[in-house]
């Protein structure tokens, strides 16, 4: 048996008990997707960094709840240096497992402080291809948003920006009201001349006693029940049937039936209203028969919960599923479950552009049903690709994103190496309107390009030809431009 510990959900867990970590590969994947998402919706570097900062502020506000509200030893800081040290040490350790490298105060502006991190964790695994006009992007703007939300939420309104200096420097600029308040606090702490004057030695003694008092406040009580005492008490309560608890599968905790029911509901909500009992048992670390028995009890007393073939469902999930099926049914008059799944499987297997008419005939789908489901799958990002040509089956083509990326990479590499692009080569790649494609792909440099009936030339090739012509004129010789 083990010491009794109340079973808490992940949102209520004390941060000082155990170290929760996210695997680096998971973080790298999710954060790179965040950057890609913001990049696709931004036109300039400042706009992209502002979007990352806004997302970071949401994390910073939640960190305040975890570090201040739910920690018993938390206290509200009223001094600038104290709150900055809190960010540099506590916040940084909680998020990244280490303190920030350095904290400095500006010599020119009393409102400005610099938090320096040589190698920000969020910049290590970013693999999103950035255009040339976004070369100055610093994804640590996400961390700047965390710092800004933490300070502002603690009563220190400020603006935090990122700069490439000594690695990455977070420039923290407080509002004037914060500086004025800090000076007033300092003036109250320093004894005035009208008060009794104490010697330097007495003042040092006061500061030493204050430090001892602070250490005493932070020291936990030494008199408490031992683990063996707790086990004996719980065993006696169980023996007298005054306590009803379950053991966790690792044997380290007890959990009450009421808490188990709350955790089952929480996990069901987090997973969108559908949860497998085996997965639920593994997540909650409770034996499968206990979970199954509690779920059956919940279902019998709650009409919004359903147990179907080992799957726990709630009414919200069933409502969403019913609405989706009804929409398809209203459009086509009939619907088959196998058709709903075959379309996604067929589109997932495509690796090159394919006419939609071929896919419709191969799968035997109704034309309206195919386009409706395909557009929904693409819109919800369940299928990576696009349909060009609209809903006209004779012209529409499904282009998988994998092929589009390879296509764009080949065109970009060829143009950089040779300085020109032949329209016939682009048509062989499946690009029908070659000139429009080139203008869209090289939008920033299209003004410097020359578009001819069969080829387009870049500025580098034009400069080379002009140089050769000028050299021929200066030397009195000639040159065959067509050969070159």
Protein backbone atom coordinates (compact mmCIF):
# COMPACT_ATOMS: atom_id res chain seq x y z
CA UNK A 1 0.00 0.00 0.00
CA UNK A 2 1.06 3.60 -0.37
CA UNK A 3 0.53 7.01 1.13
CA UNK A 4 -2.87 8.54 0.44
CA UNK A 5 -2.83 11.33 -2.11
CA UNK A 6 -5.92 13.03 -3.51
CA UNK A 7 -6.24 12.29 -7.22
CA UNK A 8 -6.27 15.58 -9.09
CA UNK A 9 -6.79 16.46 -12.72
CA UNK A 10 -3.90 17.80 -14.77
CA UNK A 11 -5.26 21.35 -14.56
CA UNK A 12 -5.30 21.32 -10.75
CA UNK A 13 -1.95 19.66 -10.13
CA UNK A 14 0.61 21.54 -8.05
CA UNK A 15 3.60 22.42 -10.24
CA UNK A 16 6.06 21.80 -7.42
CA UNK A 17 5.06 18.13 -7.24
CA UNK A 18 6.65 16.33 -10.09
CA UNK A 19 8.08 17.63 -13.33
CA UNK A 20 5.75 17.59 -16.31
CA UNK A 21 7.48 17.63 -19.64
CA UNK A 22 6.44 17.51 -23.29
CA UNK A 23 8.57 15.48 -25.68
CA UNK A 24 10.85 17.69 -27.78
CA UNK A 25 9.69 16.20 -31.09
CA UNK A 26 6.04 16.85 -30.20
CA UNK A 27 6.80 20.45 -29.28
CA UNK A 28 8.86 20.98 -32.44
CA UNK A 29 6.04 19.69 -34.65
CA UNK A 30 3.29 21.70 -32.96
CA UNK A 31 5.26 24.95 -32.76
CA UNK A 32 6.43 24.75 -36.37
CA UNK A 33 2.77 24.31 -37.38
CA UNK A 34 1.90 27.41 -35.35
CA UNK A 35 4.59 29.42 -37.17
CA UNK A 36 3.43 28.09 -40.54
CA UNK A 37 -0.18 28.97 -39.68
CA UNK A 38 0.75 32.55 -38.73
CA UNK A 39 3.05 32.91 -41.75
CA UNK A 40 0.28 32.01 -44.19
CA UNK A 41 -1.84 34.81 -42.71
CA UNK A 42 0.85 37.53 -42.56
CA UNK A 43 2.39 39.80 -45.16
CA UNK A 44 5.25 41.37 -43.17
CA UNK A 45 7.69 40.29 -40.47
CA UNK A 46 6.21 42.61 -37.78
CA UNK A 47 2.72 41.26 -38.49
CA UNK A 48 3.95 37.66 -38.20
CA UNK A 49 5.80 38.37 -34.95
CA UNK A 50 2.74 40.13 -33.52
CA UNK A 51 0.62 37.04 -34.23
CA UNK A 52 3.18 34.83 -32.46
CA UNK A 53 3.29 37.27 -29.55
CA UNK A 54 -0.52 37.22 -29.22
CA UNK A 55 -0.47 33.41 -28.99
CA UNK A 56 2.32 33.57 -26.41
CA UNK A 57 0.27 35.96 -24.29
CA UNK A 58 -2.41 33.31 -23.93
CA UNK A 59 0.22 30.93 -22.51
CA UNK A 60 1.55 33.65 -20.19
CA UNK A 61 -1.87 34.31 -18.67
CA UNK A 62 -2.35 30.61 -17.96
CA UNK A 63 1.10 30.40 -16.40
CA UNK A 64 0.06 33.11 -13.95
CA UNK A 65 -2.89 30.99 -12.85
CA UNK A 66 -0.67 27.97 -12.34
CA UNK A 67 2.24 29.72 -10.61
CA UNK A 68 0.33 32.23 -8.45
CA UNK A 69 -3.26 31.19 -7.87
CA UNK A 70 -2.75 27.46 -7.31
CA UNK A 71 0.54 27.60 -5.40
CA UNK A 72 0.13 27.86 -1.64
CA UNK A 73 3.45 29.68 -1.18
CA UNK A 74 2.74 32.29 -3.87
CA UNK A 75 2.85 35.99 -3.08
CA UNK A 76 2.18 39.12 -5.09
CA UNK A 77 5.35 40.98 -6.02
CA UNK A 78 5.26 44.77 -5.89
CA UNK A 79 8.85 45.58 -6.93
CA UNK A 80 10.06 45.60 -10.54
CA UNK A 81 13.28 43.71 -9.83
CA UNK A 82 11.41 41.03 -7.88
CA UNK A 83 8.91 40.35 -10.66
CA UNK A 84 11.68 40.31 -13.28
CA UNK A 85 13.64 37.77 -11.24
CA UNK A 86 10.43 35.75 -10.95
CA UNK A 87 10.20 35.66 -14.76
CA UNK A 88 13.93 34.95 -15.21
CA UNK A 89 13.95 32.11 -12.69
CA UNK A 90 10.56 30.58 -11.87
CA UNK A 91 8.73 31.09 -15.17
CA UNK A 92 11.74 30.12 -17.29
CA UNK A 93 12.42 26.99 -15.20
CA UNK A 94 8.78 25.92 -15.40
CA UNK A 95 8.62 26.32 -19.18
CA UNK A 96 12.14 25.47 -20.36
CA UNK A 97 13.83 23.69 -17.43
CA UNK A 98 16.47 26.40 -16.89
CA UNK A 99 16.85 30.04 -15.93
CA UNK A 100 17.22 32.77 -18.54
CA UNK A 101 20.87 33.59 -19.26
CA UNK A 102 21.01 37.22 -18.15
CA UNK A 103 18.94 40.18 -16.92
CA UNK A 104 20.21 43.73 -17.50
CA UNK A 105 18.98 47.27 -16.89
CA UNK A 106 19.36 49.89 -19.62
CA UNK A 107 21.78 52.72 -18.89
CA UNK A 108 19.89 55.18 -21.08
CA UNK A 109 16.26 54.54 -20.12
CA UNK A 110 15.15 53.65 -16.61
CA UNK A 111 11.97 52.08 -18.00
CA UNK A 112 13.84 49.52 -20.11
CA UNK A 113 15.21 46.15 -19.03
CA UNK A 114 16.81 43.42 -21.15
CA UNK A 115 16.21 39.68 -20.65
CA UNK A 116 18.86 37.81 -22.65
CA UNK A 117 18.62 34.22 -23.89
CA UNK A 118 21.49 33.08 -26.12
CA UNK A 119 19.67 30.09 -27.63
CA UNK A 120 15.86 30.32 -27.21
CA UNK A 121 14.29 26.89 -27.14
CA UNK A 122 11.56 27.82 -29.64
CA UNK A 123 14.14 28.70 -32.32
CA UNK A 124 15.96 25.36 -32.29
CA UNK A 125 13.62 23.20 -34.32
CA UNK A 126 11.85 25.62 -36.66
CA UNK A 127 11.92 24.17 -40.17
CA UNK A 128 9.42 26.46 -41.89
CA UNK A 129 10.77 27.85 -45.17
CA UNK A 130 10.73 31.63 -44.96
CA UNK A 131 10.64 33.97 -47.97
CA UNK A 132 13.55 36.35 -48.42
CA UNK A 133 11.52 39.28 -47.12
CA UNK A 134 11.06 37.41 -43.81
CA UNK A 135 14.75 36.72 -43.19
CA UNK A 136 14.81 38.84 -40.00
CA UNK A 137 12.04 36.86 -38.33
CA UNK A 138 12.65 35.81 -34.73
CA UNK A 139 10.17 33.16 -33.60
CA UNK A 140 11.08 33.96 -29.98
CA UNK A 141 8.35 36.61 -30.30
CA UNK A 142 6.17 33.79 -28.94
CA UNK A 143 8.25 33.86 -25.72
CA UNK A 144 8.06 37.67 -25.68
CA UNK A 145 4.28 37.34 -25.56
CA UNK A 146 4.58 35.01 -22.55
CA UNK A 147 6.79 37.52 -20.72
CA UNK A 148 4.52 40.46 -21.57
CA UNK A 149 1.36 38.68 -20.39
CA UNK A 150 3.07 37.52 -17.18
CA UNK A 151 4.28 41.02 -16.28
CA UNK A 152 1.10 42.83 -17.34
CA UNK A 153 -1.10 40.31 -15.55
CA UNK A 154 0.98 40.80 -12.39
CA UNK A 155 0.29 44.54 -12.38
CA UNK A 156 3.38 45.68 -14.31
CA UNK A 157 2.02 46.86 -17.71
CA UNK A 158 4.76 46.83 -20.33
CA UNK A 159 5.64 46.10 -23.96
CA UNK A 160 8.08 43.27 -24.81
CA UNK A 161 9.85 42.98 -28.17
CA UNK A 162 12.53 40.62 -29.51
CA UNK A 163 15.86 41.60 -31.06
CA UNK A 164 18.79 39.67 -32.52
CA UNK A 165 21.49 40.76 -30.04
CA UNK A 166 23.69 38.46 -27.92
CA UNK A 167 21.54 35.63 -29.24
CA UNK A 168 18.01 36.90 -28.56
CA UNK A 169 17.29 39.89 -26.34
CA UNK A 170 13.82 40.56 -24.98
CA UNK A 171 13.47 44.33 -24.52
CA UNK A 172 11.00 45.00 -21.69
CA UNK A 173 9.72 48.59 -21.59
CA UNK A 174 7.50 49.42 -18.62
CA UNK A 175 4.92 52.19 -18.55
CA UNK A 176 5.75 55.40 -16.68
CA UNK A 177 3.20 54.59 -13.97
CA UNK A 178 5.13 51.43 -13.05
CA UNK A 179 8.39 53.36 -12.57
CA UNK A 180 6.66 56.06 -10.49
CA UNK A 181 5.05 53.43 -8.26
CA UNK A 182 8.38 51.64 -7.79
CA UNK A 183 10.08 54.86 -6.69
CA UNK A 184 7.32 55.58 -4.19
CA UNK A 185 7.74 52.12 -2.69
CA UNK A 186 11.49 52.70 -2.37
CA UNK A 187 10.92 56.04 -0.64
CA UNK A 188 8.62 54.41 1.91
CA UNK A 189 11.15 51.70 2.69
CA UNK A 190 14.02 54.14 3.36
CA UNK A 191 13.81 55.81 6.85
CA UNK A 192 13.26 59.60 6.69
CA UNK A 193 15.53 62.09 8.46
CA UNK A 194 12.78 62.92 10.96
CA UNK A 195 12.69 59.34 12.16
CA UNK A 196 15.08 57.91 14.70
CA UNK A 197 18.47 57.42 13.11
CA UNK A 198 20.05 54.01 13.52
CA UNK A 199 23.67 53.11 12.95
CA UNK A 200 24.92 51.19 9.91
CA UNK A 201 25.45 48.13 12.08
CA UNK A 202 21.87 48.25 13.39
CA UNK A 203 20.51 48.57 9.86
CA UNK A 204 22.54 45.53 8.74
CA UNK A 205 21.14 43.60 11.71
CA UNK A 206 17.59 44.49 10.66
CA UNK A 207 18.22 43.27 7.12
CA UNK A 208 19.75 40.02 8.45
CA UNK A 209 16.72 39.38 10.66
CA UNK A 210 14.38 40.10 7.74
CA UNK A 211 16.26 37.55 5.63
CA UNK A 212 16.03 34.96 8.44
CA UNK A 213 12.30 35.63 8.73
CA UNK A 214 11.81 35.14 5.01
CA UNK A 215 13.69 31.83 5.09
CA UNK A 216 11.56 30.70 8.02
CA UNK A 217 8.41 31.49 6.04
CA UNK A 218 9.60 29.41 3.09
CA UNK A 219 10.62 26.44 5.25
CA UNK A 220 8.07 23.64 5.32
CA UNK A 221 6.93 22.18 8.62
CA UNK A 222 9.09 19.35 9.93
CA UNK A 223 6.36 17.75 12.09
CA UNK A 224 4.06 15.69 9.93
CA UNK A 225 2.67 12.19 9.68
CA UNK A 226 4.99 9.59 8.26
CA UNK A 227 4.05 7.48 5.28
CA UNK A 228 3.58 4.44 7.51
CA UNK A 229 1.14 6.38 9.76
CA UNK A 230 -0.91 7.47 6.74
CA UNK A 231 -1.10 3.91 5.42
CA UNK A 232 -2.29 2.61 8.78
CA UNK A 233 -4.95 5.32 9.05
CA UNK A 234 -6.29 4.63 5.55
CA UNK A 235 -6.25 0.88 6.18
CA UNK A 236 -8.26 1.34 9.36
CA UNK A 237 -10.79 3.56 7.61
CA UNK A 238 -11.18 0.99 4.83
CA UNK A 239 -11.56 -1.79 7.38
CA UNK A 240 -14.33 0.14 9.17
CA UNK A 241 -15.91 0.94 5.78
CA UNK A 242 -15.74 4.64 6.54
CA UNK A 243 -13.78 5.33 3.36
CA UNK A 244 -14.32 4.14 -0.21
CA UNK A 245 -11.32 4.55 -2.53
CA UNK A 246 -9.67 2.84 -5.51
CA UNK A 247 -5.98 2.08 -5.99
CA UNK A 248 -4.24 3.47 -9.04
CA UNK A 249 -2.48 0.95 -11.26
CA UNK A 250 0.99 2.13 -10.16
CA UNK A 251 0.03 1.73 -6.48
CA UNK A 252 1.13 5.25 -5.54
CA UNK A 253 -2.21 6.98 -5.11
CA UNK A 254 -5.77 6.51 -3.97
CA UNK A 255 -8.75 7.93 -5.82
CA UNK A 256 -12.32 8.35 -4.60
CA UNK A 257 -15.31 7.29 -6.74
CA UNK A 258 -16.51 10.91 -7.04
CA UNK A 259 -13.10 12.11 -8.25
CA UNK A 260 -12.89 9.20 -10.72
CA UNK A 261 -16.25 10.22 -12.17
CA UNK A 262 -15.11 13.84 -12.57
CA UNK A 263 -11.90 12.77 -14.29
CA UNK A 264 -13.80 10.50 -16.69
CA UNK A 265 -16.04 13.41 -17.68
CA UNK A 266 -13.02 15.72 -18.10
CA UNK A 267 -11.18 13.28 -20.36
CA UNK A 268 -14.33 12.68 -22.41
CA UNK A 269 -14.71 16.43 -22.95
CA UNK A 270 -11.03 16.86 -23.90
CA UNK A 271 -11.26 14.07 -26.49
CA UNK A 272 -14.29 15.57 -28.24
CA UNK A 273 -17.04 13.46 -26.71
CA UNK A 274 -15.76 10.00 -27.69
CA UNK A 275 -13.36 7.87 -25.65
CA UNK A 276 -12.27 4.24 -25.66
CA UNK A 277 -12.45 2.65 -22.20
CA UNK A 278 -9.04 1.01 -22.63
CA UNK A 279 -7.44 4.38 -23.39
CA UNK A 280 -9.35 5.93 -20.51
CA UNK A 281 -7.99 3.30 -18.12
CA UNK A 282 -4.43 3.95 -19.28
CA UNK A 283 -4.70 7.76 -19.02
CA UNK A 284 -6.27 7.72 -15.54
CA UNK A 285 -3.95 4.92 -14.35
CA UNK A 286 -6.88 2.97 -12.95
CA UNK A 287 -7.63 -0.71 -13.62
CA UNK A 288 -9.98 -1.41 -16.54
CA UNK A 289 -12.72 -3.19 -14.47
CA UNK A 290 -12.89 -0.18 -12.12
CA UNK A 291 -13.22 2.24 -15.03
CA UNK A 292 -15.81 0.05 -16.75
CA UNK A 293 -17.89 -0.21 -13.58
CA UNK A 294 -17.77 3.54 -12.96
CA UNK A 295 -18.66 4.32 -16.59
CA UNK A 296 -21.69 2.02 -16.41
CA UNK A 297 -22.75 3.80 -13.24
CA UNK A 298 -22.39 7.20 -14.93
CA UNK A 299 -24.35 6.06 -17.98
CA UNK A 300 -27.19 4.73 -15.83
CA UNK A 301 -27.59 8.08 -14.04
CA UNK A 302 -26.84 10.49 -16.90
CA UNK A 303 -28.98 10.44 -20.05
CA UNK A 304 -26.37 12.44 -21.99
CA UNK A 305 -23.80 9.60 -21.82
CA UNK A 306 -23.80 6.40 -23.90
CA UNK A 307 -21.68 3.25 -23.79
CA UNK A 308 -21.43 1.56 -27.21
CA UNK A 309 -19.05 -1.38 -27.82
CA UNK A 310 -16.44 -0.18 -25.33
CA UNK A 311 -16.73 3.44 -26.49
CA UNK A 312 -18.00 6.16 -24.15
CA UNK A 313 -19.96 8.84 -26.07
CA UNK A 314 -21.75 11.98 -25.02
CA UNK A 315 -24.73 13.74 -26.59
CA UNK A 316 -22.59 16.57 -28.05
CA UNK A 317 -20.59 14.12 -30.13
CA UNK A 318 -23.74 12.40 -31.39
CA UNK A 319 -25.31 15.76 -32.25
CA UNK A 320 -22.31 16.80 -34.32
CA UNK A 321 -22.23 13.44 -36.10
CA UNK A 322 -25.96 13.62 -36.82
CA UNK A 323 -25.69 17.14 -38.24
CA UNK A 324 -22.87 16.15 -40.59
CA UNK A 325 -24.74 13.11 -41.90
CA UNK A 326 -27.94 15.11 -42.28
CA UNK A 327 -26.18 17.79 -44.35
CA UNK A 328 -24.87 15.17 -46.77
CA UNK A 329 -28.24 13.45 -46.89
CA UNK A 330 -30.04 16.72 -47.70
CA UNK A 331 -27.65 17.40 -50.56
CA UNK A 332 -27.80 14.00 -52.27
CA UNK A 333 -30.99 12.35 -51.05
CA UNK A 334 -29.11 9.21 -50.05
CA UNK A 335 -25.84 8.38 -48.34
CA UNK A 336 -23.71 5.32 -47.71
CA UNK A 337 -21.25 4.99 -44.86
CA UNK A 338 -18.79 3.19 -47.12
CA UNK A 339 -18.87 6.10 -49.56
CA UNK A 340 -18.00 8.54 -46.79
CA UNK A 341 -14.84 6.58 -45.99
CA UNK A 342 -13.80 5.55 -49.55
CA UNK A 343 -13.47 9.14 -50.79
CA UNK A 344 -11.01 10.09 -48.06
CA UNK A 345 -8.97 6.92 -48.59
CA UNK A 346 -8.80 7.49 -52.35
CA UNK A 347 -7.68 11.12 -52.03
CA UNK A 348 -5.08 10.20 -49.40
CA UNK A 349 -3.46 7.70 -51.78
CA UNK A 350 -3.06 10.15 -54.69
CA UNK A 351 0.53 11.42 -55.15
CA UNK A 352 0.22 13.30 -58.48
CA UNK A 353 -2.44 15.46 -60.16
CA UNK A 354 -5.42 13.37 -61.27
CA UNK A 355 -8.59 14.55 -63.07
CA UNK A 356 -11.56 14.41 -60.75
CA UNK A 357 -13.56 12.62 -63.46
CA UNK A 358 -11.14 9.67 -63.21
CA UNK A 359 -11.54 9.52 -59.42
CA UNK A 360 -15.34 9.70 -59.68
CA UNK A 361 -15.52 6.92 -62.25
CA UNK A 362 -12.97 4.75 -60.42
CA UNK A 363 -14.82 4.93 -57.11
CA UNK A 364 -18.31 5.04 -58.59
CA UNK A 365 -19.26 8.10 -56.54
CA UNK A 366 -22.14 10.47 -57.25
CA UNK A 367 -20.55 13.63 -58.63
CA UNK A 368 -22.17 16.05 -56.14
CA UNK A 369 -21.32 13.82 -53.19
CA UNK A 370 -17.67 13.54 -54.27
CA UNK A 371 -17.13 17.29 -54.58
CA UNK A 372 -19.00 18.04 -51.35
CA UNK A 373 -16.99 15.58 -49.24
CA UNK A 374 -13.67 16.37 -50.97
CA UNK A 375 -14.07 20.12 -50.38
CA UNK A 376 -14.97 19.50 -46.72
CA UNK A 377 -11.94 17.24 -46.22
CA UNK A 378 -9.64 19.84 -47.79
CA UNK A 379 -11.21 22.70 -45.79
CA UNK A 380 -10.76 20.86 -42.47
CA UNK A 381 -7.14 19.92 -43.38
CA UNK A 382 -7.89 16.19 -43.26
CA UNK A 383 -6.63 15.96 -46.84
CA UNK A 384 -3.58 17.96 -47.96
CA UNK A 385 -4.29 19.20 -51.47
CA UNK A 386 -6.58 21.34 -53.62
CA UNK A 387 -9.08 21.06 -56.49
CA UNK A 388 -8.53 23.33 -59.47
CA UNK A 389 -11.12 23.98 -62.15
CA UNK A 390 -14.19 24.17 -59.91
CA UNK A 391 -16.90 21.50 -59.99
CA UNK A 392 -16.74 20.94 -63.74
CA UNK A 393 -15.69 17.31 -63.92
CA UNK A 394 -14.22 17.78 -67.39
CA UNK A 395 -11.74 20.42 -66.17
CA UNK A 396 -11.35 19.90 -62.42
CA UNK A 397 -8.11 18.28 -61.20
CA UNK A 398 -7.16 17.17 -57.70
CA UNK A 399 -3.59 18.28 -56.90
CA UNK A 400 -2.05 16.74 -53.75
CA UNK A 401 0.05 19.09 -51.63
CA UNK A 402 3.03 16.73 -51.84
CA UNK A 403 3.16 17.13 -55.62
CA UNK A 404 2.68 20.89 -55.41
CA UNK A 405 5.62 21.24 -53.00
CA UNK A 406 7.88 19.11 -55.22
CA UNK A 407 6.73 21.06 -58.28
CA UNK A 408 7.46 24.44 -56.69
CA UNK A 409 10.86 23.24 -55.45
CA UNK A 410 11.91 22.05 -58.92
CA UNK A 411 10.82 25.29 -60.60
CA UNK A 412 12.59 27.44 -58.00
CA UNK A 413 15.85 25.45 -58.16
CA UNK A 414 15.90 25.42 -61.99
CA UNK A 415 15.30 29.17 -62.22
CA UNK A 416 18.03 29.95 -59.67
CA UNK A 417 20.57 27.80 -61.51
CA UNK A 418 19.76 28.81 -65.12
CA UNK A 419 18.04 32.19 -64.91
CA UNK A 420 15.16 31.23 -67.23
CA UNK A 421 12.12 28.94 -67.46
CA UNK A 422 10.71 27.28 -70.57
CA UNK A 423 6.93 27.05 -70.74
CA UNK A 424 7.08 23.59 -72.33
CA UNK A 425 9.00 22.26 -69.33
CA UNK A 426 6.35 23.67 -66.99
CA UNK A 427 3.56 22.08 -69.04
CA UNK A 428 5.27 18.71 -68.75
CA UNK A 429 5.04 19.17 -64.97
CA UNK A 430 1.27 19.61 -65.27
CA UNK A 431 1.19 23.44 -65.14
CA UNK A 432 -1.27 24.55 -67.82
CA UNK A 433 -0.99 28.35 -67.52
CA UNK A 434 2.79 28.68 -67.26
CA UNK A 435 3.02 32.50 -67.41
CA UNK A 436 0.46 33.04 -64.61
CA UNK A 437 2.16 30.39 -62.50
CA UNK A 438 5.57 32.11 -62.86
CA UNK A 439 4.11 35.51 -61.94
CA UNK A 440 2.45 34.03 -58.87
CA UNK A 441 5.52 32.07 -57.75
CA UNK A 442 8.05 34.89 -58.29
CA UNK A 443 5.75 37.76 -57.38
CA UNK A 444 8.45 39.90 -55.75
CA UNK A 445 10.76 39.82 -58.82
CA UNK A 446 8.26 39.55 -61.69
CA UNK A 447 8.82 43.24 -62.64
CA UNK A 448 12.47 42.43 -63.47
CA UNK A 449 11.57 39.39 -65.61
CA UNK A 450 10.92 39.36 -69.36
CA UNK A 451 8.01 37.16 -70.53
CA UNK A 452 8.40 35.88 -74.10
CA UNK A 453 5.99 33.60 -76.01
CA UNK A 454 7.86 30.40 -75.09
CA UNK A 455 10.17 31.36 -72.23
CA UNK A 456 10.65 33.85 -69.41
CA UNK A 457 14.06 35.27 -68.50
CA UNK A 458 15.29 36.49 -65.16
CA UNK A 459 17.38 39.61 -64.46
CA UNK A 460 20.61 37.61 -64.07
CA UNK A 461 20.40 36.17 -67.59
CA UNK A 462 19.48 39.56 -69.06
CA UNK A 463 22.46 41.20 -67.37
CA UNK A 464 24.72 38.47 -68.73
CA UNK A 465 23.47 38.98 -72.32
CA UNK A 466 23.75 42.75 -72.05
CA UNK A 467 27.31 42.44 -70.80
CA UNK A 468 28.26 40.18 -73.71
CA UNK A 469 26.68 42.59 -76.23
CA UNK A 470 28.48 45.59 -74.75
CA UNK A 471 31.77 43.71 -74.82
CA UNK A 472 31.25 42.83 -78.50
CA UNK A 473 30.49 46.46 -79.34
CA UNK A 474 33.52 47.73 -77.46
CA UNK A 475 35.91 45.25 -79.09
CA UNK A 476 34.41 45.59 -82.57
CA UNK A 477 33.56 41.89 -82.72
CA UNK A 478 30.22 40.12 -82.94
CA UNK A 479 28.18 37.61 -80.91
CA UNK A 480 25.42 35.16 -81.76
CA UNK A 481 22.81 35.89 -79.07
CA UNK A 482 20.58 33.00 -80.15
CA UNK A 483 23.34 30.45 -79.43
CA UNK A 484 24.04 31.95 -76.00
